[in-house]
């Protein structure tokens, strides 16, 4: 039997950032990927929160790029990992 796959095209923003690493006490350049729904205004807040979990601090965003990629996953794996949503009613 042929395996079934779930395929989705997802747009994301890749930001190249100058980052301070608390552990090594060095400034490095890192690429951080966030969802495309993040506005330019909130981008620094979202990236700062993401980097803070690794003991790093955002110094500046150097460049941003919008990337569109196609993702694929086996249907069985998708069902295993996905969250089931309540059924929509006619009022919605």
Protein backbone atom coordinates (compact mmCIF):
# COMPACT_ATOMS: atom_id res chain seq x y z
CA UNK A 1 0.00 0.00 0.00
CA UNK A 2 1.27 3.43 -0.90
CA UNK A 3 2.04 5.85 1.97
CA UNK A 4 -0.14 8.95 2.20
CA UNK A 5 1.37 12.37 2.90
CA UNK A 6 0.15 15.74 4.12
CA UNK A 7 1.75 18.59 2.15
CA UNK A 8 1.64 22.28 3.08
CA UNK A 9 3.28 25.42 1.74
CA UNK A 10 4.42 27.61 4.63
CA UNK A 11 5.72 31.16 4.40
CA UNK A 12 8.21 32.24 7.05
CA UNK A 13 10.58 35.11 7.74
CA UNK A 14 14.30 34.43 8.10
CA UNK A 15 16.12 37.19 9.97
CA UNK A 16 19.90 37.51 10.06
CA UNK A 17 20.75 38.94 13.47
CA UNK A 18 23.74 40.06 15.49
CA UNK A 19 23.46 38.22 18.79
CA UNK A 20 25.29 38.44 22.13
CA UNK A 21 26.04 34.99 23.58
CA UNK A 22 26.20 35.16 27.39
CA UNK A 23 28.09 31.86 27.66
CA UNK A 24 30.96 32.70 25.31
CA UNK A 25 30.82 36.51 25.74
CA UNK A 26 30.97 36.95 21.97
CA UNK A 27 28.89 38.62 19.29
CA UNK A 28 27.82 36.21 16.56
CA UNK A 29 25.63 36.39 13.47
CA UNK A 30 22.70 33.97 13.52
CA UNK A 31 19.73 33.23 11.29
CA UNK A 32 16.41 33.01 13.13
CA UNK A 33 13.23 31.73 11.47
CA UNK A 34 9.80 32.94 12.58
CA UNK A 35 6.32 32.59 11.13
CA UNK A 36 5.30 35.03 8.42
CA UNK A 37 2.43 36.26 10.58
CA UNK A 38 4.89 38.23 12.71
CA UNK A 39 4.80 41.90 11.73
CA UNK A 40 7.96 43.92 11.12
CA UNK A 41 7.07 45.97 14.21
CA UNK A 42 6.96 42.90 16.50
CA UNK A 43 9.83 40.98 14.89
CA UNK A 44 12.46 42.10 17.40
CA UNK A 45 10.24 41.12 20.36
CA UNK A 46 9.56 37.64 18.96
CA UNK A 47 13.23 37.01 18.12
CA UNK A 48 14.38 38.30 21.53
CA UNK A 49 12.05 35.85 23.30
CA UNK A 50 13.27 32.97 21.15
CA UNK A 51 16.95 33.77 21.75
CA UNK A 52 16.48 34.30 25.50
CA UNK A 53 15.81 30.58 25.98
CA UNK A 54 19.38 29.87 24.78
CA UNK A 55 21.04 32.52 26.97
CA UNK A 56 21.47 34.92 24.07
CA UNK A 57 20.45 38.53 23.49
CA UNK A 58 19.40 40.19 20.24
CA UNK A 59 21.57 43.19 19.40
CA UNK A 60 20.19 44.05 15.97
CA UNK A 61 18.38 42.61 12.99
CA UNK A 62 20.69 42.94 9.98
CA UNK A 63 18.44 41.62 7.20
CA UNK A 64 15.09 39.87 6.76
CA UNK A 65 13.93 37.59 3.99
CA UNK A 66 10.56 35.99 3.30
CA UNK A 67 10.89 32.31 2.41
CA UNK A 68 8.20 30.02 1.02
CA UNK A 69 8.82 26.30 1.50
CA UNK A 70 6.80 23.15 0.91
CA UNK A 71 6.70 20.73 3.86
CA UNK A 72 5.63 17.10 3.74
CA UNK A 73 4.88 14.58 6.48
CA UNK A 74 3.45 11.08 6.52
CA UNK A 75 -0.26 11.16 7.29
CA UNK A 76 0.15 8.78 10.24
CA UNK A 77 2.84 11.01 11.79
CA UNK A 78 0.63 14.08 11.23
CA UNK A 79 -2.29 12.42 13.04
CA UNK A 80 0.03 11.43 15.88
CA UNK A 81 1.37 14.99 16.36
CA UNK A 82 -1.59 17.20 15.37
CA UNK A 83 -4.11 18.75 17.72
CA UNK A 84 -7.74 17.90 17.03
CA UNK A 85 -9.91 21.01 16.67
CA UNK A 86 -13.58 21.14 17.62
CA UNK A 87 -16.01 20.84 14.73
CA UNK A 88 -17.24 24.13 13.25
CA UNK A 89 -20.92 24.97 13.64
CA UNK A 90 -23.08 26.86 11.15
CA UNK A 91 -22.96 29.98 13.37
CA UNK A 92 -19.20 30.23 12.91
